[in-house]
Structures are given as structure tokens and as C-alpha cells.
C-alpha atoms as a PDB file:
ATOM      1  CA  UNK A   1      -6.471 -27.312  17.342  1.00  0.00           C
ATOM      2  CA  UNK A   2      -6.195 -24.071  19.317  1.00  0.00           C
ATOM      3  CA  UNK A   3      -3.311 -21.573  18.997  1.00  0.00           C
ATOM      4  CA  UNK A   4      -4.058 -20.429  22.243  1.00  0.00           C
ATOM      5  CA  UNK A   5      -3.500 -21.131  26.169  1.00  0.00           C
ATOM      6  CA  UNK A   6      -5.895 -19.285  28.012  1.00  0.00           C
ATOM      7  CA  UNK A   7      -5.602 -15.765  26.349  1.00  0.00           C
ATOM      8  CA  UNK A   8      -2.058 -16.321  25.510  1.00  0.00           C
ATOM      9  CA  UNK A   9      -0.532 -17.684  22.438  1.00  0.00           C
ATOM     10  CA  UNK A  10       0.969 -21.171  22.328  1.00  0.00           C
ATOM     11  CA  UNK A  11       4.907 -21.553  22.324  1.00  0.00           C
ATOM     12  CA  UNK A  12       4.491 -22.906  18.251  1.00  0.00           C
ATOM     13  CA  UNK A  13       2.387 -20.080  17.542  1.00  0.00           C
ATOM     14  CA  UNK A  14       4.672 -17.726  19.755  1.00  0.00           C
ATOM     15  CA  UNK A  15       7.848 -18.854  17.434  1.00  0.00           C
ATOM     16  CA  UNK A  16       5.637 -17.704  14.021  1.00  0.00           C
ATOM     17  CA  UNK A  17       4.769 -14.757  15.471  1.00  0.00           C
ATOM     18  CA  UNK A  18       8.682 -13.977  16.115  1.00  0.00           C
ATOM     19  CA  UNK A  19       9.498 -14.683  12.930  1.00  0.00           C
ATOM     20  CA  UNK A  20       6.579 -12.511  11.216  1.00  0.00           C
ATOM     21  CA  UNK A  21       7.020  -9.335  13.541  1.00  0.00           C
ATOM     22  CA  UNK A  22      10.069  -9.482  14.766  1.00  0.00           C
ATOM     23  CA  UNK A  23      11.598  -5.312  14.714  1.00  0.00           C
ATOM     24  CA  UNK A  24       8.391  -4.640  13.055  1.00  0.00           C
ATOM     25  CA  UNK A  25       7.331  -0.822  13.832  1.00  0.00           C
ATOM     26  CA  UNK A  26       4.074  -0.377  15.264  1.00  0.00           C
ATOM     27  CA  UNK A  27       2.054   2.807  16.366  1.00  0.00           C
ATOM     28  CA  UNK A  28      -0.591   2.308  18.766  1.00  0.00           C
ATOM     29  CA  UNK A  29      -3.312   5.109  19.147  1.00  0.00           C
ATOM     30  CA  UNK A  30      -5.641   4.395  21.560  1.00  0.00           C
ATOM     31  CA  UNK A  31      -6.870   4.740  24.914  1.00  0.00           C
ATOM     32  CA  UNK A  32      -4.317   4.283  28.068  1.00  0.00           C
ATOM     33  CA  UNK A  33      -6.534   1.731  29.979  1.00  0.00           C
ATOM     34  CA  UNK A  34      -5.810  -2.207  30.819  1.00  0.00           C
ATOM     35  CA  UNK A  35      -7.338  -2.879  27.254  1.00  0.00           C
ATOM     36  CA  UNK A  36      -4.418  -0.514  25.862  1.00  0.00           C
ATOM     37  CA  UNK A  37      -1.782  -1.747  27.678  1.00  0.00           C
ATOM     38  CA  UNK A  38      -2.906  -4.973  26.808  1.00  0.00           C
ATOM     39  CA  UNK A  39      -2.662  -4.623  23.571  1.00  0.00           C
ATOM     40  CA  UNK A  40       1.057  -3.056  23.536  1.00  0.00           C
ATOM     41  CA  UNK A  41       2.206  -6.069  25.544  1.00  0.00           C
ATOM     42  CA  UNK A  42       1.194  -7.980  22.868  1.00  0.00           C
ATOM     43  CA  UNK A  43       2.861  -6.645  20.338  1.00  0.00           C
ATOM     44  CA  UNK A  44       5.437  -6.656  22.173  1.00  0.00           C
ATOM     45  CA  UNK A  45       5.821 -10.028  23.263  1.00  0.00           C
ATOM     46  CA  UNK A  46       5.555 -10.673  19.223  1.00  0.00           C
ATOM     47  CA  UNK A  47       8.957  -9.081  19.144  1.00  0.00           C
ATOM     48  CA  UNK A  48       7.398  -5.835  17.358  1.00  0.00           C
ATOM     49  CA  UNK A  49       8.706  -2.550  18.276  1.00  0.00           C
ATOM     50  CA  UNK A  50       5.638  -0.504  19.998  1.00  0.00           C
ATOM     51  CA  UNK A  51       5.194   3.067  20.141  1.00  0.00           C
ATOM     52  CA  UNK A  52       2.445   4.399  22.265  1.00  0.00           C
ATOM     53  CA  UNK A  53       0.684   7.439  20.949  1.00  0.00           C
ATOM     54  CA  UNK A  54      -2.117   9.102  23.143  1.00  0.00           C
ATOM     55  CA  UNK A  55      -3.969  11.414  22.940  1.00  0.00           C
ATOM     56  CA  UNK A  56      -4.856  10.866  18.993  1.00  0.00           C
ATOM     57  CA  UNK A  57      -2.312  13.565  17.593  1.00  0.00           C
ATOM     58  CA  UNK A  58      -3.305  16.212  14.491  1.00  0.00           C
ATOM     59  CA  UNK A  59      -1.477  13.529  12.254  1.00  0.00           C
ATOM     60  CA  UNK A  60      -0.762  10.141  12.536  1.00  0.00           C
ATOM     61  CA  UNK A  61       3.285   8.686  12.046  1.00  0.00           C
ATOM     62  CA  UNK A  62       3.685   7.988   8.494  1.00  0.00           C
ATOM     63  CA  UNK A  63       6.959   6.023   8.555  1.00  0.00           C
ATOM     64  CA  UNK A  64       5.351   2.999  10.862  1.00  0.00           C
ATOM     65  CA  UNK A  65       4.817  -0.397   9.259  1.00  0.00           C
ATOM     66  CA  UNK A  66       1.220  -0.726  11.284  1.00  0.00           C
ATOM     67  CA  UNK A  67      -0.806   1.952  12.496  1.00  0.00           C
ATOM     68  CA  UNK A  68      -3.322   0.500  15.325  1.00  0.00           C
ATOM     69  CA  UNK A  69      -5.777   3.502  15.893  1.00  0.00           C
ATOM     70  CA  UNK A  70      -9.197   3.879  17.543  1.00  0.00           C
ATOM     71  CA  UNK A  71     -12.087   4.862  15.500  1.00  0.00           C
ATOM     72  CA  UNK A  72     -12.741   8.269  16.112  1.00  0.00           C
ATOM     73  CA  UNK A  73     -14.761  10.817  14.105  1.00  0.00           C
ATOM     74  CA  UNK A  74     -11.697  12.708  13.315  1.00  0.00           C
ATOM     75  CA  UNK A  75      -9.790   9.647  11.979  1.00  0.00           C
ATOM     76  CA  UNK A  76      -9.573  10.303   8.421  1.00  0.00           C
ATOM     77  CA  UNK A  77      -8.586  13.848   8.346  1.00  0.00           C
ATOM     78  CA  UNK A  78      -5.567  12.769  10.391  1.00  0.00           C
ATOM     79  CA  UNK A  79      -4.364  10.189   8.043  1.00  0.00           C
ATOM     80  CA  UNK A  80      -1.222  11.320   7.082  1.00  0.00           C
ATOM     81  CA  UNK A  81      -0.951   9.915   3.306  1.00  0.00           C
ATOM     82  CA  UNK A  82      -3.025  10.551   0.465  1.00  0.00           C
ATOM     83  CA  UNK A  83      -6.252   8.610   0.145  1.00  0.00           C
ATOM     84  CA  UNK A  84      -5.502   5.387  -2.135  1.00  0.00           C
ATOM     85  CA  UNK A  85      -1.458   5.677  -1.650  1.00  0.00           C
ATOM     86  CA  UNK A  86      -1.118   4.471   2.185  1.00  0.00           C
ATOM     87  CA  UNK A  87       2.215   4.813   3.640  1.00  0.00           C
ATOM     88  CA  UNK A  88       1.765   1.934   6.547  1.00  0.00           C
ATOM     89  CA  UNK A  89      -1.055  -0.507   7.285  1.00  0.00           C
ATOM     90  CA  UNK A  90      -3.828   0.539   9.372  1.00  0.00           C
ATOM     91  CA  UNK A  91      -5.767  -1.609  11.634  1.00  0.00           C
ATOM     92  CA  UNK A  92      -8.426   0.659  13.364  1.00  0.00           C
ATOM     93  CA  UNK A  93      -9.562  -0.153  16.872  1.00  0.00           C
ATOM     94  CA  UNK A  94     -13.389  -0.563  17.471  1.00  0.00           C
ATOM     95  CA  UNK A  95     -15.969  -1.216  20.625  1.00  0.00           C
ATOM     96  CA  UNK A  96     -17.493  -4.345  21.082  1.00  0.00           C
ATOM     97  CA  UNK A  97     -20.645  -5.239  19.363  1.00  0.00           C
ATOM     98  CA  UNK A  98     -21.693  -3.728  15.614  1.00  0.00           C
ATOM     99  CA  UNK A  99     -20.224  -1.009  14.073  1.00  0.00           C
ATOM    100  CA  UNK A 100     -22.496   1.498  13.807  1.00  0.00           C
ATOM    101  CA  UNK A 101     -20.299   4.330  12.121  1.00  0.00           C
ATOM    102  CA  UNK A 102     -19.851   2.362   8.877  1.00  0.00           C
ATOM    103  CA  UNK A 103     -19.344   5.077   6.686  1.00  0.00           C
ATOM    104  CA  UNK A 104     -16.743   6.547   8.871  1.00  0.00           C
ATOM    105  CA  UNK A 105     -15.060   2.864   8.632  1.00  0.00           C
ATOM    106  CA  UNK A 106     -15.312   2.871   5.017  1.00  0.00           C
ATOM    107  CA  UNK A 107     -13.786   6.557   4.896  1.00  0.00           C
ATOM    108  CA  UNK A 108     -10.624   5.386   6.727  1.00  0.00           C
ATOM    109  CA  UNK A 109     -10.139   2.641   4.441  1.00  0.00           C
ATOM    110  CA  UNK A 110      -8.606   0.192   7.150  1.00  0.00           C
ATOM    111  CA  UNK A 111      -6.456  -2.786   6.277  1.00  0.00           C
ATOM    112  CA  UNK A 112      -7.663  -4.794   9.449  1.00  0.00           C
ATOM    113  CA  UNK A 113     -10.590  -3.922  12.067  1.00  0.00           C
ATOM    114  CA  UNK A 114      -9.353  -5.095  15.614  1.00  0.00           C
ATOM    115  CA  UNK A 115     -12.780  -5.314  18.247  1.00  0.00           C
ATOM    116  CA  UNK A 116     -12.369  -4.650  22.079  1.00  0.00           C
ATOM    117  CA  UNK A 117     -12.242  -6.734  24.334  1.00  0.00           C
ATOM    118  CA  UNK A 118      -9.229  -7.435  23.085  1.00  0.00           C
ATOM    119  CA  UNK A 119      -7.468 -11.306  22.959  1.00  0.00           C
ATOM    120  CA  UNK A 120      -3.871 -12.197  21.974  1.00  0.00           C
ATOM    121  CA  UNK A 121      -4.888 -14.166  19.201  1.00  0.00           C
ATOM    122  CA  UNK A 122      -7.456 -11.573  17.405  1.00  0.00           C
ATOM    123  CA  UNK A 123      -4.561  -8.661  17.833  1.00  0.00           C
ATOM    124  CA  UNK A 124      -1.948 -11.447  16.116  1.00  0.00           C
ATOM    125  CA  UNK A 125      -4.484 -11.955  13.325  1.00  0.00           C
ATOM    126  CA  UNK A 126      -5.575  -8.365  13.164  1.00  0.00           C
ATOM    127  CA  UNK A 127      -1.552  -7.681  12.502  1.00  0.00           C
ATOM    128  CA  UNK A 128      -0.974 -10.314  10.080  1.00  0.00           C
ATOM    129  CA  UNK A 129      -4.550  -9.283   7.826  1.00  0.00           C
ATOM    130  CA  UNK A 130      -3.543  -5.917   8.129  1.00  0.00           C
ATOM    131  CA  UNK A 131       0.201  -6.514   6.787  1.00  0.00           C
ATOM    132  CA  UNK A 132      -1.342  -8.965   4.129  1.00  0.00           C
ATOM    133  CA  UNK A 133      -3.645  -6.400   2.735  1.00  0.00           C
ATOM    134  CA  UNK A 134      -1.433  -3.737   2.637  1.00  0.00           C
ATOM    135  CA  UNK A 135       1.016  -5.473   0.700  1.00  0.00           C
ATOM    136  CA  UNK A 136      -1.673  -6.921  -2.028  1.00  0.00           C
ATOM    137  CA  UNK A 137      -3.004  -3.623  -2.206  1.00  0.00           C
ATOM    138  CA  UNK A 138       0.624  -2.124  -2.978  1.00  0.00           C
ATOM    139  CA  UNK A 139       1.489  -4.747  -5.169  1.00  0.00           C
ATOM    140  CA  UNK A 140      -1.655  -4.227  -7.128  1.00  0.00           C
ATOM    141  CA  UNK A 141      -0.918  -0.298  -7.421  1.00  0.00           C
ATOM    142  CA  UNK A 142       2.503  -1.337  -8.661  1.00  0.00           C
ATOM    143  CA  UNK A 143       0.922  -3.201 -11.508  1.00  0.00           C
ATOM    144  CA  UNK A 144      -1.491  -0.505 -12.378  1.00  0.00           C
ATOM    145  CA  UNK A 145       1.485   1.921 -12.622  1.00  0.00           C
ATOM    146  CA  UNK A 146       3.288  -0.617 -14.880  1.00  0.00           C
ATOM    147  CA  UNK A 147       0.075  -0.867 -17.065  1.00  0.00           C
ATOM    148  CA  UNK A 148      -0.212   2.880 -17.247  1.00  0.00           C
ATOM    149  CA  UNK A 149       3.098   3.158 -18.262  1.00  0.00           C
ATOM    150  CA  UNK A 150       3.262   0.521 -20.841  1.00  0.00           C
ATOM    151  CA  UNK A 151       0.273   2.101 -22.571  1.00  0.00           C
ATOM    152  CA  UNK A 152       1.610   5.859 -22.458  1.00  0.00           C
ATOM    153  CA  UNK A 153       4.796   4.115 -24.297  1.00  0.00           C
ATOM    154  CA  UNK A 154       2.243   2.461 -26.821  1.00  0.00           C
ATOM    155  CA  UNK A 155       0.678   5.431 -27.423  1.00  0.00           C
ATOM    156  CA  UNK A 156       3.916   7.261 -28.217  1.00  0.00           C
ATOM    157  CA  UNK A 157       4.949   4.390 -30.401  1.00  0.00           C
ATOM    158  CA  UNK A 158       1.375   4.691 -32.370  1.00  0.00           C
ATOM    159  CA  UNK A 159       1.760   8.758 -32.395  1.00  0.00           C
ATOM    160  CA  UNK A 160       5.388   8.576 -33.799  1.00  0.00           C
ATOM    161  CA  UNK A 161       4.231   5.844 -36.435  1.00  0.00           C
ATOM    162  CA  UNK A 162       1.416   8.348 -37.849  1.00  0.00           C
ATOM    163  CA  UNK A 163       4.070  11.206 -37.932  1.00  0.00           C
ATOM    164  CA  UNK A 164       6.215   9.088 -40.241  1.00  0.00           C
ATOM    165  CA  UNK A 165       3.480   7.719 -42.200  1.00  0.00           C
ATOM    166  CA  UNK A 166       2.136  11.657 -42.633  1.00  0.00           C
ATOM    167  CA  UNK A 167       5.762  13.312 -43.191  1.00  0.00           C
ATOM    168  CA  UNK A 168       7.562  10.600 -45.262  1.00  0.00           C
ATOM    169  CA  UNK A 169       4.607   8.710 -46.937  1.00  0.00           C
ATOM    170  CA  UNK A 170       5.318   5.323 -45.167  1.00  0.00           C
ATOM    171  CA  UNK A 171       2.887   2.415 -44.862  1.00  0.00           C
ATOM    172  CA  UNK A 172       2.440   1.396 -40.912  1.00  0.00           C
ATOM    173  CA  UNK A 173       4.628  -1.616 -41.388  1.00  0.00           C
ATOM    174  CA  UNK A 174       7.025   0.419 -43.174  1.00  0.00           C
ATOM    175  CA  UNK A 175       7.035   3.067 -40.226  1.00  0.00           C
ATOM    176  CA  UNK A 176       7.403   0.464 -37.584  1.00  0.00           C
ATOM    177  CA  UNK A 177      10.727  -1.174 -39.322  1.00  0.00           C
ATOM    178  CA  UNK A 178      11.957   2.207 -39.937  1.00  0.00           C
ATOM    179  CA  UNK A 179      11.861   2.953 -35.914  1.00  0.00           C
ATOM    180  CA  UNK A 180      13.376  -0.588 -35.048  1.00  0.00           C
ATOM    181  CA  UNK A 181      16.248  -0.003 -37.416  1.00  0.00           C
ATOM    182  CA  UNK A 182      17.059   3.137 -35.567  1.00  0.00           C
ATOM    183  CA  UNK A 183      16.419   1.669 -32.174  1.00  0.00           C
ATOM    184  CA  UNK A 184      18.283  -1.603 -33.207  1.00  0.00           C
ATOM    185  CA  UNK A 185      21.426   1.094 -34.392  1.00  0.00           C
ATOM    186  CA  UNK A 186      21.664   3.438 -31.681  1.00  0.00           C
ATOM    187  CA  UNK A 187      21.387   0.600 -29.141  1.00  0.00           C
ATOM    188  CA  UNK A 188      18.218   2.142 -27.369  1.00  0.00           C
ATOM    189  CA  UNK A 189      14.233   0.675 -27.032  1.00  0.00           C
ATOM    190  CA  UNK A 190      11.792   1.879 -29.863  1.00  0.00           C
ATOM    191  CA  UNK A 191       9.785   3.800 -27.265  1.00  0.00           C
ATOM    192  CA  UNK A 192      13.036   6.341 -26.839  1.00  0.00           C
ATOM    193  CA  UNK A 193      13.117   6.540 -30.807  1.00  0.00           C
ATOM    194  CA  UNK A 194       9.385   7.213 -30.720  1.00  0.00           C
ATOM    195  CA  UNK A 195       9.955   9.661 -28.080  1.00  0.00           C
ATOM    196  CA  UNK A 196      12.309  11.580 -30.335  1.00  0.00           C
ATOM    197  CA  UNK A 197      10.134  11.523 -32.873  1.00  0.00           C
ATOM    198  CA  UNK A 198       7.371  13.141 -31.578  1.00  0.00           C
ATOM    199  CA  UNK A 199       9.225  15.451 -29.531  1.00  0.00           C
ATOM    200  CA  UNK A 200      11.119  17.082 -32.998  1.00  0.00           C
ATOM    201  CA  UNK A 201       8.051  16.984 -34.722  1.00  0.00           C
ATOM    202  CA  UNK A 202       6.524  18.833 -32.073  1.00  0.00           C
ATOM    203  CA  UNK A 203       9.305  21.308 -31.813  1.00  0.00           C
ATOM    204  CA  UNK A 204       9.525  21.736 -35.968  1.00  0.00           C
ATOM    205  CA  UNK A 205       5.546  22.185 -36.141  1.00  0.00           C
END
């Protein structure tokens, strides 16, 4: 069943949009023509807070939740965040038909693509997709950072065991039990004990 009547969402789809997008901070950086005004009105009907930015600034704002922006040759240089560490979801606006500048599109690393001419359903879908993809990427980055931290801490424990085995003539099991006992008696983590052992060894070496 269609979620639009003509070019506008059905009442049921509108309710879902309001719940999903109420007070969402959205920046629109596209030409100020009828299509651009239509995009802004559609986002406003979804209860998003919309800022219209045109002409394209040297640096896009980095504080909104979502940025809709025309695909231009200078776009990758005007994105304010470090590649791979976006601070906002990015939906790139392209013309009708096939995308000719695929390399430019890839370098912009968008979360969604919105084709002209716009329809209400396409705007809503691109907004939902941009938000969903951005949230998924953020969860992946968080997990990767946690794994990197866990790996770093494990390496610290292994380094501390090696120091104890060499300086106190302990076997691997004895070295680990020693660190575990120290951690329990001091009510700290074993990684904290390991870091103290490594730091002391490096200081005295």
C-alpha cells in the first residue's frame, strides 16, 4: 500500500515521520529553487528544524543531525569532519538520471543519496536511511574502539607477565596469579596492576 497521496505522505506515514524526526536539526545546502523549497517544506512537515544554507559555505556546519547537500566538485573539501569520523549524517543531492561523478560521490562518503526531482516519499526515505546508516557506522566505530582498547590492555598484561617471569623467575601461571592477587588486595583491575608493573620496570631500567 502506498504511503503517499499524490506527492504527499498519508496521515499514517505523517505520524510516523513526526515521531521519528521531531526536533531533528537538519541543514539543507542546495539551490534556492522550487525543488529546494519543496525539500525544506517536506522536512518541516516532518517536524524537523531546518536551516537553509546557500550558497555552499567554505565549511558545512558540523553541529546538525543531518546535512542535505548538493554534490559539487568541492564538496569533499567542505565537509568539516575528518574522513571516517563524521559528526553528522550526510545525504547527497544529485540530478536526475545516472550519477556521472561516482568517484566524487565515493569521496564524499554519503549516508544516503537523494535524486532530483524530489518527492515527499524520497525525501523521507533518504532522511531515514541517512540517520540509520550514520547510527550503524557510529556503533561499529564504538565497537572497534572498544576492541582496540581491549587489545591494548591485553598486551599490557602480557608485557607485565614477561617482566615478572624474567625478574622474579616466575612461570607464566605464577606471574598471572601474582597480578591477580595484587589486583584483588588493592581493589583495582588486573590491567591497572599490569600497567604499574610495566611503568615501574621502564622507570628503573
